[in-house]
Amino acid sequence: MKMFSRVIVAAGLSLLLGSAAAAQQAGWYGGLSAGQGNIDLTTRDWDDGTLTNTVLDHDGVAYKVIAGYRFTRYLSLEGSYVHFSDGKFSGVEPLTTSTVWKIGQVFGEARAKGVSLQGLLAWPFAKERFAMFAKGGLFFWNTAMVSRPTIAGGTLALGDERVIYDDGVSWIFGAGAEMRLYDNWHIRLEWEHSMMGFSGTVDRNVDFPSLGVTLDL
C-alpha cells in the first residue's frame, strides 16, 4: 500500500513538473493587467497664471491588454495596449485678462494611451513555477490635453473647448515576477516606466505598476 501511494505521488509530481516545463516552451500567450498609472502632470500644465483654487486628480485605474510570443523559456517578444485613466483638473478663473479661460469654474482633462513592443528576458526557477523578468523596447503613445470652457478656439467647439493632441515614440523598460497558478495560467506583478508628451512641448514621466494574469495558448 505504501509503495502504491509513493507511485501515485511520484506520478502526480511528474505530471505537475512536466506541465510547468511545458508551459514555458515556445508559443503564444495573452493576458490582462491593471494598476494605477502615474503621469507626473501638475496644475501648471493647465494654469496660465490667472487661475485660483486649482485641483488636480490623476489617481485612477489604468489597464493593459497583453499579447506575446515565447521563443524559449528565457526569451519572449511582447506587445501591449495600455489605457491610462484620465487626469482631472479644475480651477476658477476670476479675471478677464486670460487668453485661455472664460470667467468662472473651468475644467481640464489629460487623456493618454499607447502601444508598446518589448523584448522580455526571463529567469525561471523553482522547477519553473516562478520567474523573474526584465523587459524593454518602444512605446508608441497618443495624448490629449482638454480645456473647457475656453476663450481660445479649439478643435471641437470654437470658444468652448480646446483640445491639444500629441503623439510620439519613447523608450520603455520594466521588470517583474510571474508565478504559475494552474496549468497554463500565470499571475504577474510588474512595473514599467516610459515618457509621454503633452501639448506638443511637455514630456512627462510615466510609471505603471500592475497586477494581472496571462494564459499560454
N, C-alpha and C. Protein backbone atom coordinates (compact mmCIF):
# COMPACT_ATOMS: atom_id res chain seq x y z
N MET A 1 0.82 -1.21 0.00
CA MET A 1 0.00 0.00 0.00
C MET A 1 0.86 1.26 0.00
N LYS A 2 1.95 1.23 0.83
CA LYS A 2 2.84 2.39 0.87
C LYS A 2 3.53 2.58 -0.48
N MET A 3 3.93 1.45 -1.08
CA MET A 3 4.58 1.53 -2.38
C MET A 3 3.63 2.12 -3.41
N PHE A 4 2.37 1.68 -3.38
CA PHE A 4 1.37 2.20 -4.32
C PHE A 4 1.18 3.71 -4.12
N SER A 5 1.14 4.16 -2.86
CA SER A 5 0.98 5.58 -2.57
C SER A 5 2.16 6.37 -3.09
N ARG A 6 3.36 5.84 -2.93
CA ARG A 6 4.56 6.52 -3.42
C ARG A 6 4.54 6.65 -4.94
N VAL A 7 4.08 5.58 -5.59
CA VAL A 7 4.00 5.63 -7.05
C VAL A 7 3.02 6.71 -7.50
N ILE A 8 1.86 6.79 -6.82
CA ILE A 8 0.85 7.79 -7.17
C ILE A 8 1.41 9.20 -6.97
N VAL A 9 2.07 9.42 -5.81
CA VAL A 9 2.65 10.74 -5.53
C VAL A 9 3.71 11.10 -6.55
N ALA A 10 4.58 10.13 -6.87
CA ALA A 10 5.65 10.38 -7.84
C ALA A 10 5.06 10.71 -9.21
N ALA A 11 4.02 9.97 -9.59
CA ALA A 11 3.39 10.24 -10.90
C ALA A 11 2.75 11.62 -10.91
N GLY A 12 2.11 11.99 -9.80
CA GLY A 12 1.48 13.31 -9.73
C GLY A 12 2.51 14.42 -9.83
N LEU A 13 3.62 14.27 -9.11
CA LEU A 13 4.69 15.28 -9.18
C LEU A 13 5.28 15.36 -10.58
N SER A 14 5.45 14.22 -11.22
CA SER A 14 5.99 14.22 -12.58
C SER A 14 5.08 14.96 -13.54
N LEU A 15 3.77 14.75 -13.41
CA LEU A 15 2.83 15.45 -14.27
C LEU A 15 2.83 16.95 -14.00
N LEU A 16 2.90 17.31 -12.71
CA LEU A 16 2.90 18.72 -12.33
C LEU A 16 4.12 19.43 -12.86
N LEU A 17 5.29 18.85 -12.63
CA LEU A 17 6.53 19.48 -13.09
C LEU A 17 6.63 19.46 -14.60
N GLY A 18 6.10 18.37 -15.19
CA GLY A 18 6.12 18.32 -16.65
C GLY A 18 5.26 19.39 -17.27
N SER A 19 4.07 19.62 -16.69
CA SER A 19 3.21 20.67 -17.22
C SER A 19 3.81 22.03 -16.99
N ALA A 20 4.52 22.24 -15.86
CA ALA A 20 5.17 23.53 -15.60
C ALA A 20 6.24 23.80 -16.64
N ALA A 21 7.02 22.76 -16.98
CA ALA A 21 8.06 22.94 -18.00
C ALA A 21 7.44 23.20 -19.36
N ALA A 22 6.37 22.46 -19.67
CA ALA A 22 5.73 22.62 -20.98
C ALA A 22 5.15 24.01 -21.13
N ALA A 23 4.66 24.56 -20.00
CA ALA A 23 4.03 25.88 -20.06
C ALA A 23 5.02 26.96 -20.45
N GLN A 24 6.33 26.67 -20.26
CA GLN A 24 7.34 27.67 -20.55
C GLN A 24 7.99 27.45 -21.92
N GLN A 25 7.49 26.52 -22.70
CA GLN A 25 8.06 26.28 -24.01
C GLN A 25 7.55 27.32 -25.00
N ALA A 26 8.07 27.23 -26.23
CA ALA A 26 7.73 28.20 -27.26
C ALA A 26 6.24 28.21 -27.54
N GLY A 27 5.70 29.41 -27.81
CA GLY A 27 4.30 29.53 -28.15
C GLY A 27 3.74 30.89 -27.79
N TRP A 28 2.47 31.09 -28.17
CA TRP A 28 1.79 32.35 -27.93
C TRP A 28 1.20 32.41 -26.52
N TYR A 29 1.05 33.62 -26.01
CA TYR A 29 0.35 33.83 -24.75
C TYR A 29 -0.33 35.19 -24.78
N GLY A 30 -1.31 35.37 -23.91
CA GLY A 30 -2.03 36.64 -23.82
C GLY A 30 -2.47 36.88 -22.39
N GLY A 31 -2.93 38.10 -22.12
CA GLY A 31 -3.35 38.38 -20.76
C GLY A 31 -3.91 39.77 -20.57
N LEU A 32 -4.32 40.05 -19.35
CA LEU A 32 -4.85 41.34 -18.94
C LEU A 32 -4.15 41.76 -17.66
N SER A 33 -3.98 43.07 -17.50
CA SER A 33 -3.32 43.59 -16.32
C SER A 33 -3.90 44.95 -15.98
N ALA A 34 -3.92 45.28 -14.69
CA ALA A 34 -4.45 46.58 -14.26
C ALA A 34 -3.63 47.11 -13.10
N GLY A 35 -3.62 48.42 -12.96
CA GLY A 35 -2.88 49.05 -11.87
C GLY A 35 -3.18 50.53 -11.85
N GLN A 36 -2.32 51.29 -11.18
CA GLN A 36 -2.51 52.73 -11.10
C GLN A 36 -1.41 53.41 -11.90
N GLY A 37 -1.74 53.90 -13.09
CA GLY A 37 -0.78 54.62 -13.91
C GLY A 37 -0.52 56.01 -13.34
N ASN A 38 0.74 56.37 -13.24
CA ASN A 38 1.12 57.65 -12.66
C ASN A 38 1.85 58.49 -13.70
N ILE A 39 1.22 59.59 -14.14
CA ILE A 39 1.83 60.54 -15.06
C ILE A 39 2.08 61.82 -14.28
N ASP A 40 3.33 62.34 -14.28
CA ASP A 40 3.68 63.42 -13.37
C ASP A 40 3.25 64.80 -13.89
N LEU A 41 1.97 64.92 -14.24
CA LEU A 41 1.40 66.21 -14.58
C LEU A 41 1.19 67.04 -13.31
N THR A 42 1.16 68.37 -13.45
CA THR A 42 0.89 69.27 -12.34
C THR A 42 -0.19 70.26 -12.78
N THR A 43 -0.72 71.04 -11.84
CA THR A 43 -1.73 72.05 -12.18
C THR A 43 -1.16 73.10 -13.12
N ARG A 44 0.16 73.29 -13.13
CA ARG A 44 0.78 74.29 -14.02
C ARG A 44 0.62 73.93 -15.49
N ASP A 45 0.32 72.65 -15.78
CA ASP A 45 0.13 72.25 -17.17
C ASP A 45 -1.17 72.81 -17.75
N TRP A 46 -2.09 73.28 -16.90
CA TRP A 46 -3.32 73.94 -17.35
C TRP A 46 -3.33 75.43 -16.99
N ASP A 47 -2.76 75.77 -15.84
CA ASP A 47 -2.87 77.12 -15.29
C ASP A 47 -1.97 78.09 -16.06
N ASP A 48 -2.58 79.14 -16.63
CA ASP A 48 -1.80 80.18 -17.32
C ASP A 48 -1.37 81.29 -16.37
N GLY A 49 -1.52 81.06 -15.07
CA GLY A 49 -1.12 82.05 -14.09
C GLY A 49 -2.25 82.90 -13.57
N THR A 50 -3.45 82.72 -14.09
CA THR A 50 -4.58 83.53 -13.66
C THR A 50 -5.59 82.76 -12.82
N LEU A 51 -5.45 81.45 -12.70
CA LEU A 51 -6.45 80.63 -12.02
C LEU A 51 -6.24 80.60 -10.51
N THR A 52 -7.32 80.36 -9.79
CA THR A 52 -7.28 80.15 -8.34
C THR A 52 -7.99 78.84 -8.02
N ASN A 53 -7.76 78.34 -6.80
CA ASN A 53 -8.42 77.13 -6.32
C ASN A 53 -8.23 75.95 -7.27
N THR A 54 -7.02 75.78 -7.76
CA THR A 54 -6.76 74.70 -8.70
C THR A 54 -6.66 73.35 -7.98
N VAL A 55 -7.23 72.32 -8.61
CA VAL A 55 -7.22 70.96 -8.06
C VAL A 55 -6.89 69.99 -9.19
N LEU A 56 -6.01 69.05 -8.91
CA LEU A 56 -5.65 68.03 -9.90
C LEU A 56 -5.79 66.65 -9.28
N ASP A 57 -6.53 65.78 -9.95
CA ASP A 57 -6.71 64.39 -9.52
C ASP A 57 -6.28 63.47 -10.66
N HIS A 58 -5.11 62.86 -10.51
CA HIS A 58 -4.65 61.95 -11.55
C HIS A 58 -4.54 60.51 -11.04
N ASP A 59 -5.26 60.19 -9.96
CA ASP A 59 -5.31 58.82 -9.47
C ASP A 59 -6.47 58.09 -10.14
N GLY A 60 -6.23 56.87 -10.54
CA GLY A 60 -7.27 56.08 -11.17
C GLY A 60 -6.69 54.80 -11.74
N VAL A 61 -7.58 53.91 -12.15
CA VAL A 61 -7.16 52.60 -12.64
C VAL A 61 -6.76 52.69 -14.11
N ALA A 62 -5.58 52.19 -14.41
CA ALA A 62 -5.13 52.01 -15.78
C ALA A 62 -5.10 50.51 -16.07
N TYR A 63 -5.23 50.15 -17.34
CA TYR A 63 -5.23 48.73 -17.69
C TYR A 63 -4.48 48.50 -18.99
N LYS A 64 -4.10 47.26 -19.23
CA LYS A 64 -3.46 46.92 -20.49
C LYS A 64 -3.84 45.51 -20.93
N VAL A 65 -3.79 45.32 -22.23
CA VAL A 65 -4.03 44.01 -22.86
C VAL A 65 -2.70 43.53 -23.41
N ILE A 66 -2.36 42.28 -23.12
CA ILE A 66 -1.04 41.74 -23.43
C ILE A 66 -1.15 40.64 -24.48
N ALA A 67 -0.23 40.64 -25.44
CA ALA A 67 -0.09 39.54 -26.40
C ALA A 67 1.39 39.33 -26.65
N GLY A 68 1.83 38.09 -26.58
CA GLY A 68 3.26 37.84 -26.75
C GLY A 68 3.54 36.48 -27.36
N TYR A 69 4.80 36.32 -27.76
CA TYR A 69 5.27 35.03 -28.29
C TYR A 69 6.55 34.66 -27.55
N ARG A 70 6.56 33.46 -26.97
CA ARG A 70 7.72 32.96 -26.24
C ARG A 70 8.57 32.10 -27.17
N PHE A 71 9.79 32.56 -27.47
CA PHE A 71 10.70 31.81 -28.33
C PHE A 71 11.34 30.66 -27.55
N THR A 72 11.78 30.94 -26.34
CA THR A 72 12.31 29.93 -25.42
C THR A 72 11.77 30.27 -24.03
N ARG A 73 12.10 29.47 -23.06
CA ARG A 73 11.66 29.77 -21.69
C ARG A 73 12.34 31.02 -21.15
N TYR A 74 13.37 31.51 -21.86
CA TYR A 74 14.11 32.69 -21.39
C TYR A 74 13.80 33.96 -22.19
N LEU A 75 13.35 33.83 -23.43
CA LEU A 75 13.23 35.00 -24.31
C LEU A 75 11.85 35.06 -24.96
N SER A 76 11.22 36.25 -24.87
CA SER A 76 9.89 36.47 -25.48
C SER A 76 9.86 37.84 -26.13
N LEU A 77 8.90 38.00 -27.04
CA LEU A 77 8.58 39.29 -27.64
C LEU A 77 7.14 39.59 -27.27
N GLU A 78 6.91 40.78 -26.67
CA GLU A 78 5.61 41.06 -26.08
C GLU A 78 5.08 42.43 -26.53
N GLY A 79 3.82 42.47 -26.92
CA GLY A 79 3.15 43.71 -27.26
C GLY A 79 2.01 43.98 -26.29
N SER A 80 1.75 45.25 -26.00
CA SER A 80 0.69 45.62 -25.06
C SER A 80 -0.01 46.89 -25.53
N TYR A 81 -1.32 46.92 -25.30
CA TYR A 81 -2.09 48.15 -25.45
C TYR A 81 -2.40 48.67 -24.04
N VAL A 82 -2.02 49.91 -23.75
CA VAL A 82 -2.18 50.48 -22.41
C VAL A 82 -3.12 51.68 -22.48
N HIS A 83 -4.12 51.69 -21.59
CA HIS A 83 -5.05 52.82 -21.49
C HIS A 83 -4.96 53.38 -20.07
N PHE A 84 -4.55 54.64 -19.97
CA PHE A 84 -4.42 55.28 -18.67
C PHE A 84 -5.71 55.99 -18.28
N SER A 85 -5.96 56.07 -16.98
CA SER A 85 -7.13 56.82 -16.52
C SER A 85 -6.93 58.31 -16.80
N ASP A 86 -8.02 59.01 -17.05
CA ASP A 86 -7.95 60.43 -17.37
C ASP A 86 -7.58 61.23 -16.13
N GLY A 87 -6.64 62.17 -16.29
CA GLY A 87 -6.34 63.10 -15.22
C GLY A 87 -7.37 64.23 -15.22
N LYS A 88 -7.92 64.55 -14.06
CA LYS A 88 -8.98 65.56 -13.95
C LYS A 88 -8.43 66.83 -13.29
N PHE A 89 -8.74 67.97 -13.91
CA PHE A 89 -8.27 69.26 -13.40
C PHE A 89 -9.47 70.21 -13.27
N SER A 90 -9.43 71.06 -12.25
CA SER A 90 -10.44 72.10 -12.12
C SER A 90 -9.83 73.34 -11.46
N GLY A 91 -10.47 74.48 -11.68
CA GLY A 91 -10.00 75.74 -11.11
C GLY A 91 -11.04 76.82 -11.30
N VAL A 92 -10.71 78.02 -10.87
CA VAL A 92 -11.59 79.18 -11.00
C VAL A 92 -10.84 80.29 -11.71
N GLU A 93 -11.45 80.85 -12.76
CA GLU A 93 -10.89 81.99 -13.49
C GLU A 93 -11.60 83.27 -13.03
N PRO A 94 -10.93 84.11 -12.22
CA PRO A 94 -11.59 85.31 -11.69
C PRO A 94 -11.37 86.56 -12.55
N LEU A 95 -10.50 86.47 -13.56
CA LEU A 95 -10.08 87.66 -14.28
C LEU A 95 -10.67 87.71 -15.69
N THR A 96 -10.53 88.84 -16.32
CA THR A 96 -10.95 88.99 -17.71
C THR A 96 -9.75 89.10 -18.64
N THR A 97 -8.52 89.02 -18.10
CA THR A 97 -7.30 89.21 -18.90
C THR A 97 -6.73 87.90 -19.44
N SER A 98 -7.31 86.76 -19.06
CA SER A 98 -6.79 85.48 -19.52
C SER A 98 -7.02 85.31 -21.01
N THR A 99 -6.02 84.77 -21.70
CA THR A 99 -6.15 84.48 -23.14
C THR A 99 -6.64 83.06 -23.38
N VAL A 100 -6.89 82.31 -22.30
CA VAL A 100 -7.28 80.90 -22.42
C VAL A 100 -8.68 80.67 -21.86
N TRP A 101 -8.93 81.13 -20.64
CA TRP A 101 -10.12 80.72 -19.91
C TRP A 101 -11.22 81.77 -19.92
N LYS A 102 -12.45 81.29 -19.88
CA LYS A 102 -13.59 82.15 -19.60
C LYS A 102 -13.71 82.34 -18.09
N ILE A 103 -14.41 83.39 -17.67
CA ILE A 103 -14.59 83.65 -16.25
C ILE A 103 -15.47 82.57 -15.61
N GLY A 104 -15.10 82.13 -14.39
CA GLY A 104 -15.89 81.14 -13.67
C GLY A 104 -15.15 79.83 -13.49
N GLN A 105 -15.90 78.80 -13.19
CA GLN A 105 -15.34 77.47 -12.98
C GLN A 105 -14.85 76.90 -14.31
N VAL A 106 -13.62 76.37 -14.32
CA VAL A 106 -13.04 75.81 -15.54
C VAL A 106 -12.54 74.39 -15.24
N PHE A 107 -12.40 73.61 -16.30
CA PHE A 107 -12.07 72.19 -16.15
C PHE A 107 -11.05 71.77 -17.21
N GLY A 108 -10.37 70.66 -16.92
CA GLY A 108 -9.44 70.10 -17.88
C GLY A 108 -9.31 68.60 -17.70
N GLU A 109 -8.82 67.94 -18.74
CA GLU A 109 -8.57 66.50 -18.70
C GLU A 109 -7.27 66.20 -19.45
N ALA A 110 -6.56 65.20 -18.97
CA ALA A 110 -5.41 64.66 -19.68
C ALA A 110 -5.72 63.22 -20.03
N ARG A 111 -5.72 62.91 -21.32
CA ARG A 111 -6.03 61.56 -21.79
C ARG A 111 -4.78 60.95 -22.40
N ALA A 112 -4.53 59.68 -22.10
CA ALA A 112 -3.30 59.04 -22.58
C ALA A 112 -3.53 57.56 -22.83
N LYS A 113 -2.92 57.08 -23.89
CA LYS A 113 -2.94 55.65 -24.23
C LYS A 113 -1.73 55.35 -25.09
N GLY A 114 -1.44 54.08 -25.28
CA GLY A 114 -0.30 53.75 -26.11
C GLY A 114 -0.17 52.27 -26.36
N VAL A 115 0.75 51.93 -27.26
CA VAL A 115 1.06 50.54 -27.60
C VAL A 115 2.56 50.35 -27.44
N SER A 116 2.94 49.29 -26.73
CA SER A 116 4.36 49.00 -26.53
C SER A 116 4.75 47.71 -27.24
N LEU A 117 6.01 47.64 -27.65
CA LEU A 117 6.60 46.43 -28.22
C LEU A 117 7.93 46.23 -27.51
N GLN A 118 8.04 45.12 -26.75
CA GLN A 118 9.20 44.93 -25.90
C GLN A 118 9.74 43.51 -25.97
N GLY A 119 11.04 43.41 -25.84
CA GLY A 119 11.67 42.12 -25.62
C GLY A 119 11.67 41.81 -24.14
N LEU A 120 11.45 40.54 -23.79
CA LEU A 120 11.36 40.13 -22.39
C LEU A 120 12.36 39.01 -22.13
N LEU A 121 13.21 39.22 -21.14
CA LEU A 121 14.22 38.24 -20.75
C LEU A 121 13.86 37.69 -19.37
N ALA A 122 13.61 36.37 -19.28
CA ALA A 122 13.12 35.76 -18.04
C ALA A 122 14.17 34.85 -17.41
N TRP A 123 14.09 34.72 -16.08
CA TRP A 123 14.93 33.80 -15.32
C TRP A 123 14.03 32.87 -14.51
N PRO A 124 13.63 31.71 -15.06
CA PRO A 124 12.77 30.78 -14.32
C PRO A 124 13.53 30.07 -13.22
N PHE A 125 12.83 29.72 -12.14
CA PHE A 125 13.44 28.98 -11.04
C PHE A 125 12.35 28.20 -10.31
N ALA A 126 12.77 27.41 -9.31
CA ALA A 126 11.85 26.55 -8.54
C ALA A 126 11.02 25.68 -9.47
N LYS A 127 11.75 24.87 -10.28
CA LYS A 127 11.09 23.98 -11.24
C LYS A 127 10.21 24.76 -12.22
N GLU A 128 10.61 25.99 -12.52
CA GLU A 128 9.94 26.86 -13.48
C GLU A 128 8.52 27.25 -13.05
N ARG A 129 8.24 27.11 -11.77
CA ARG A 129 6.96 27.58 -11.27
C ARG A 129 6.97 29.11 -11.10
N PHE A 130 8.15 29.67 -10.86
CA PHE A 130 8.33 31.10 -10.69
C PHE A 130 9.32 31.61 -11.73
N ALA A 131 9.24 32.91 -12.00
CA ALA A 131 10.19 33.54 -12.93
C ALA A 131 10.30 35.02 -12.60
N MET A 132 11.52 35.53 -12.69
CA MET A 132 11.77 36.97 -12.67
C MET A 132 12.04 37.41 -14.10
N PHE A 133 11.70 38.65 -14.45
CA PHE A 133 11.96 39.08 -15.82
C PHE A 133 12.26 40.57 -15.89
N ALA A 134 12.98 40.93 -16.93
CA ALA A 134 13.24 42.32 -17.29
C ALA A 134 12.80 42.51 -18.73
N LYS A 135 12.35 43.71 -19.07
CA LYS A 135 11.81 43.95 -20.40
C LYS A 135 12.17 45.36 -20.85
N GLY A 136 12.16 45.56 -22.16
CA GLY A 136 12.44 46.89 -22.70
C GLY A 136 12.14 46.94 -24.18
N GLY A 137 11.83 48.15 -24.67
CA GLY A 137 11.52 48.33 -26.08
C GLY A 137 11.01 49.72 -26.37
N LEU A 138 10.00 49.81 -27.25
CA LEU A 138 9.46 51.08 -27.72
C LEU A 138 8.01 51.25 -27.29
N PHE A 139 7.63 52.50 -27.01
CA PHE A 139 6.28 52.84 -26.60
C PHE A 139 5.73 53.90 -27.55
N PHE A 140 4.67 53.54 -28.29
CA PHE A 140 4.02 54.44 -29.25
C PHE A 140 2.77 55.02 -28.56
N TRP A 141 2.79 56.33 -28.24
CA TRP A 141 1.74 56.89 -27.40
C TRP A 141 0.97 58.00 -28.11
N ASN A 142 -0.26 58.21 -27.62
CA ASN A 142 -1.13 59.32 -28.03
C ASN A 142 -1.68 59.98 -26.78
N THR A 143 -1.69 61.32 -26.77
CA THR A 143 -2.22 62.05 -25.62
C THR A 143 -3.11 63.20 -26.09
N ALA A 144 -3.93 63.69 -25.18
CA ALA A 144 -4.78 64.85 -25.46
C ALA A 144 -4.92 65.67 -24.18
N MET A 145 -4.75 66.98 -24.31
CA MET A 145 -4.98 67.91 -23.21
C MET A 145 -6.25 68.69 -23.53
N VAL A 146 -7.26 68.56 -22.68
CA VAL A 146 -8.57 69.16 -22.90
C VAL A 146 -8.78 70.30 -21.91
N SER A 147 -9.29 71.44 -22.39
CA SER A 147 -9.60 72.59 -21.53
C SER A 147 -11.00 73.08 -21.87
N ARG A 148 -11.82 73.38 -20.83
CA ARG A 148 -13.17 73.88 -21.06
C ARG A 148 -13.68 74.61 -19.82
N PRO A 149 -14.50 75.65 -19.98
CA PRO A 149 -14.71 76.38 -21.25
C PRO A 149 -13.56 77.35 -21.47
N THR A 150 -13.22 77.58 -22.72
CA THR A 150 -12.07 78.41 -23.05
C THR A 150 -12.46 79.58 -23.94
N ILE A 151 -11.57 80.57 -23.99
CA ILE A 151 -11.72 81.70 -24.90
C ILE A 151 -11.08 81.36 -26.24
N ALA A 152 -9.88 80.75 -26.17
CA ALA A 152 -9.18 80.38 -27.40
C ALA A 152 -9.93 79.28 -28.13
N GLY A 153 -9.94 79.31 -29.47
CA GLY A 153 -10.63 78.30 -30.26
C GLY A 153 -9.95 76.96 -30.16
N GLY A 154 -10.72 75.90 -30.34
CA GLY A 154 -10.18 74.55 -30.27
C GLY A 154 -10.60 73.71 -31.45
N THR A 155 -10.34 72.40 -31.36
CA THR A 155 -10.61 71.51 -32.48
C THR A 155 -12.02 70.95 -32.44
N LEU A 156 -12.73 71.10 -31.32
CA LEU A 156 -14.06 70.52 -31.22
C LEU A 156 -15.17 71.57 -31.28
N ALA A 157 -15.06 72.59 -30.45
CA ALA A 157 -16.10 73.62 -30.41
C ALA A 157 -15.44 74.98 -30.20
N LEU A 158 -15.51 75.83 -31.17
CA LEU A 158 -14.83 77.12 -31.13
C LEU A 158 -15.33 77.93 -29.93
N GLY A 159 -14.39 78.37 -29.11
CA GLY A 159 -14.73 79.20 -27.98
C GLY A 159 -15.32 78.46 -26.80
N ASP A 160 -15.41 77.14 -26.88
CA ASP A 160 -16.00 76.38 -25.78
C ASP A 160 -15.02 75.34 -25.23
N GLU A 161 -14.38 74.58 -26.08
CA GLU A 161 -13.47 73.54 -25.64
C GLU A 161 -12.24 73.54 -26.53
N ARG A 162 -11.08 73.41 -25.89
CA ARG A 162 -9.82 73.34 -26.62
C ARG A 162 -9.18 71.99 -26.37
N VAL A 163 -8.75 71.33 -27.44
CA VAL A 163 -8.09 70.03 -27.34
C VAL A 163 -6.77 70.09 -28.08
N ILE A 164 -5.68 69.76 -27.39
CA ILE A 164 -4.35 69.74 -28.00
C ILE A 164 -3.86 68.29 -28.00
N TYR A 165 -3.70 67.74 -29.19
CA TYR A 165 -3.27 66.36 -29.34
C TYR A 165 -1.76 66.28 -29.47
N ASP A 166 -1.22 65.14 -29.07
CA ASP A 166 0.22 64.89 -29.23
C ASP A 166 0.42 63.40 -29.40
N ASP A 167 1.48 63.02 -30.09
CA ASP A 167 1.83 61.61 -30.24
C ASP A 167 3.33 61.49 -30.47
N GLY A 168 3.85 60.31 -30.25
CA GLY A 168 5.28 60.11 -30.42
C GLY A 168 5.70 58.71 -30.03
N VAL A 169 7.01 58.51 -29.98
CA VAL A 169 7.60 57.22 -29.63
C VAL A 169 8.67 57.45 -28.57
N SER A 170 8.63 56.64 -27.51
CA SER A 170 9.61 56.75 -26.42
C SER A 170 10.13 55.36 -26.07
N TRP A 171 11.27 55.34 -25.39
CA TRP A 171 11.76 54.09 -24.83
C TRP A 171 10.89 53.68 -23.65
N ILE A 172 10.75 52.39 -23.44
CA ILE A 172 10.03 51.87 -22.28
C ILE A 172 10.81 50.69 -21.72
N PHE A 173 10.82 50.57 -20.40
CA PHE A 173 11.50 49.44 -19.77
C PHE A 173 10.78 49.08 -18.48
N GLY A 174 11.03 47.88 -17.99
CA GLY A 174 10.37 47.44 -16.78
C GLY A 174 10.93 46.15 -16.25
N ALA A 175 10.35 45.68 -15.15
CA ALA A 175 10.77 44.43 -14.51
C ALA A 175 9.58 43.87 -13.74
N GLY A 176 9.66 42.58 -13.42
CA GLY A 176 8.56 41.98 -12.68
C GLY A 176 8.82 40.53 -12.31
N ALA A 177 7.78 39.90 -11.80
CA ALA A 177 7.84 38.50 -11.40
C ALA A 177 6.54 37.82 -11.81
N GLU A 178 6.64 36.51 -12.05
CA GLU A 178 5.49 35.75 -12.51
C GLU A 178 5.45 34.40 -11.78
N MET A 179 4.24 33.94 -11.47
CA MET A 179 4.07 32.65 -10.82
C MET A 179 2.99 31.85 -11.56
N ARG A 180 3.28 30.57 -11.80
CA ARG A 180 2.29 29.71 -12.44
C ARG A 180 1.26 29.32 -11.40
N LEU A 181 -0.01 29.60 -11.70
CA LEU A 181 -1.09 29.27 -10.80
C LEU A 181 -1.62 27.86 -11.01
N TYR A 182 -2.04 27.58 -12.26
CA TYR A 182 -2.62 26.28 -12.58
C TYR A 182 -2.50 26.05 -14.07
N ASP A 183 -1.99 24.91 -14.44
CA ASP A 183 -1.86 24.55 -15.85
C ASP A 183 -1.12 25.65 -16.59
N ASN A 184 -1.78 26.34 -17.54
CA ASN A 184 -1.12 27.38 -18.33
C ASN A 184 -1.41 28.80 -17.84
N TRP A 185 -2.04 28.94 -16.68
CA TRP A 185 -2.36 30.25 -16.13
C TRP A 185 -1.22 30.76 -15.25
N HIS A 186 -0.94 32.07 -15.38
CA HIS A 186 0.11 32.69 -14.58
C HIS A 186 -0.42 34.00 -13.99
N ILE A 187 0.08 34.34 -12.81
CA ILE A 187 -0.18 35.66 -12.23
C ILE A 187 1.10 36.47 -12.33
N ARG A 188 0.96 37.74 -12.69
CA ARG A 188 2.14 38.58 -12.98
C ARG A 188 2.06 39.89 -12.21
N LEU A 189 3.17 40.26 -11.59
CA LEU A 189 3.33 41.56 -10.93
C LEU A 189 4.49 42.27 -11.60
N GLU A 190 4.25 43.49 -12.10
CA GLU A 190 5.32 44.18 -12.83
C GLU A 190 5.22 45.69 -12.69
N TRP A 191 6.31 46.34 -13.09
CA TRP A 191 6.41 47.80 -13.11
C TRP A 191 7.06 48.21 -14.42
N GLU A 192 6.51 49.27 -15.05
CA GLU A 192 7.06 49.78 -16.31
C GLU A 192 7.22 51.29 -16.22
N HIS A 193 8.20 51.80 -16.94
CA HIS A 193 8.48 53.24 -16.95
C HIS A 193 8.72 53.71 -18.38
N SER A 194 8.15 54.88 -18.70
CA SER A 194 8.37 55.48 -20.01
C SER A 194 8.15 57.00 -19.89
N MET A 195 8.03 57.67 -21.04
CA MET A 195 7.73 59.09 -21.08
C MET A 195 6.67 59.35 -22.14
N MET A 196 5.83 60.38 -21.91
CA MET A 196 4.83 60.81 -22.87
C MET A 196 4.93 62.32 -23.05
N GLY A 197 4.55 62.78 -24.24
CA GLY A 197 4.48 64.21 -24.49
C GLY A 197 3.06 64.72 -24.37
N PHE A 198 2.91 65.94 -23.85
CA PHE A 198 1.61 66.59 -23.75
C PHE A 198 1.70 68.01 -24.31
N SER A 199 0.70 68.39 -25.07
CA SER A 199 0.62 69.75 -25.65
C SER A 199 1.76 70.05 -26.60
N GLY A 200 2.41 69.03 -27.11
CA GLY A 200 3.46 69.24 -28.10
C GLY A 200 4.78 69.71 -27.55
N THR A 201 4.86 70.06 -26.27
CA THR A 201 6.09 70.62 -25.72
C THR A 201 6.52 69.97 -24.41
N VAL A 202 5.61 69.38 -23.67
CA VAL A 202 5.90 68.91 -22.32
C VAL A 202 6.07 67.39 -22.32
N ASP A 203 7.23 66.90 -21.90
CA ASP A 203 7.47 65.47 -21.73
C ASP A 203 7.34 65.10 -20.27
N ARG A 204 6.55 64.08 -19.99
CA ARG A 204 6.29 63.68 -18.62
C ARG A 204 6.65 62.21 -18.39
N ASN A 205 7.18 61.93 -17.18
CA ASN A 205 7.48 60.55 -16.80
C ASN A 205 6.18 59.78 -16.56
N VAL A 206 6.19 58.52 -16.94
CA VAL A 206 5.03 57.65 -16.77
C VAL A 206 5.49 56.38 -16.05
N ASP A 207 4.83 56.06 -14.93
CA ASP A 207 5.09 54.82 -14.21
C ASP A 207 3.80 54.02 -14.12
N PHE A 208 3.91 52.70 -14.35
CA PHE A 208 2.72 51.87 -14.39
C PHE A 208 2.97 50.55 -13.66
N PRO A 209 2.79 50.52 -12.32
CA PRO A 209 2.79 49.24 -11.62
C PRO A 209 1.47 48.53 -11.86
N SER A 210 1.50 47.21 -12.05
CA SER A 210 0.28 46.49 -12.39
C SER A 210 0.31 45.07 -11.89
N LEU A 211 -0.87 44.50 -11.77
CA LEU A 211 -1.06 43.09 -11.40
C LEU A 211 -2.02 42.47 -12.41
N GLY A 212 -1.66 41.31 -12.94
CA GLY A 212 -2.52 40.72 -13.97
C GLY A 212 -2.32 39.21 -14.09
N VAL A 213 -2.99 38.67 -15.10
CA VAL A 213 -2.89 37.24 -15.39
C VAL A 213 -2.57 37.04 -16.87
N THR A 214 -1.84 35.96 -17.16
CA THR A 214 -1.55 35.59 -18.54
C THR A 214 -1.90 34.12 -18.73
N LEU A 215 -2.15 33.75 -19.99
CA LEU A 215 -2.52 32.38 -20.34
C LEU A 215 -1.69 31.95 -21.53
N ASP A 216 -1.00 30.82 -21.40
CA ASP A 216 -0.30 30.22 -22.52
C ASP A 216 -1.31 29.57 -23.45
N LEU A 217 -1.26 29.96 -24.73
CA LEU A 217 -2.26 29.49 -25.70
C LEU A 217 -1.80 28.21 -26.41
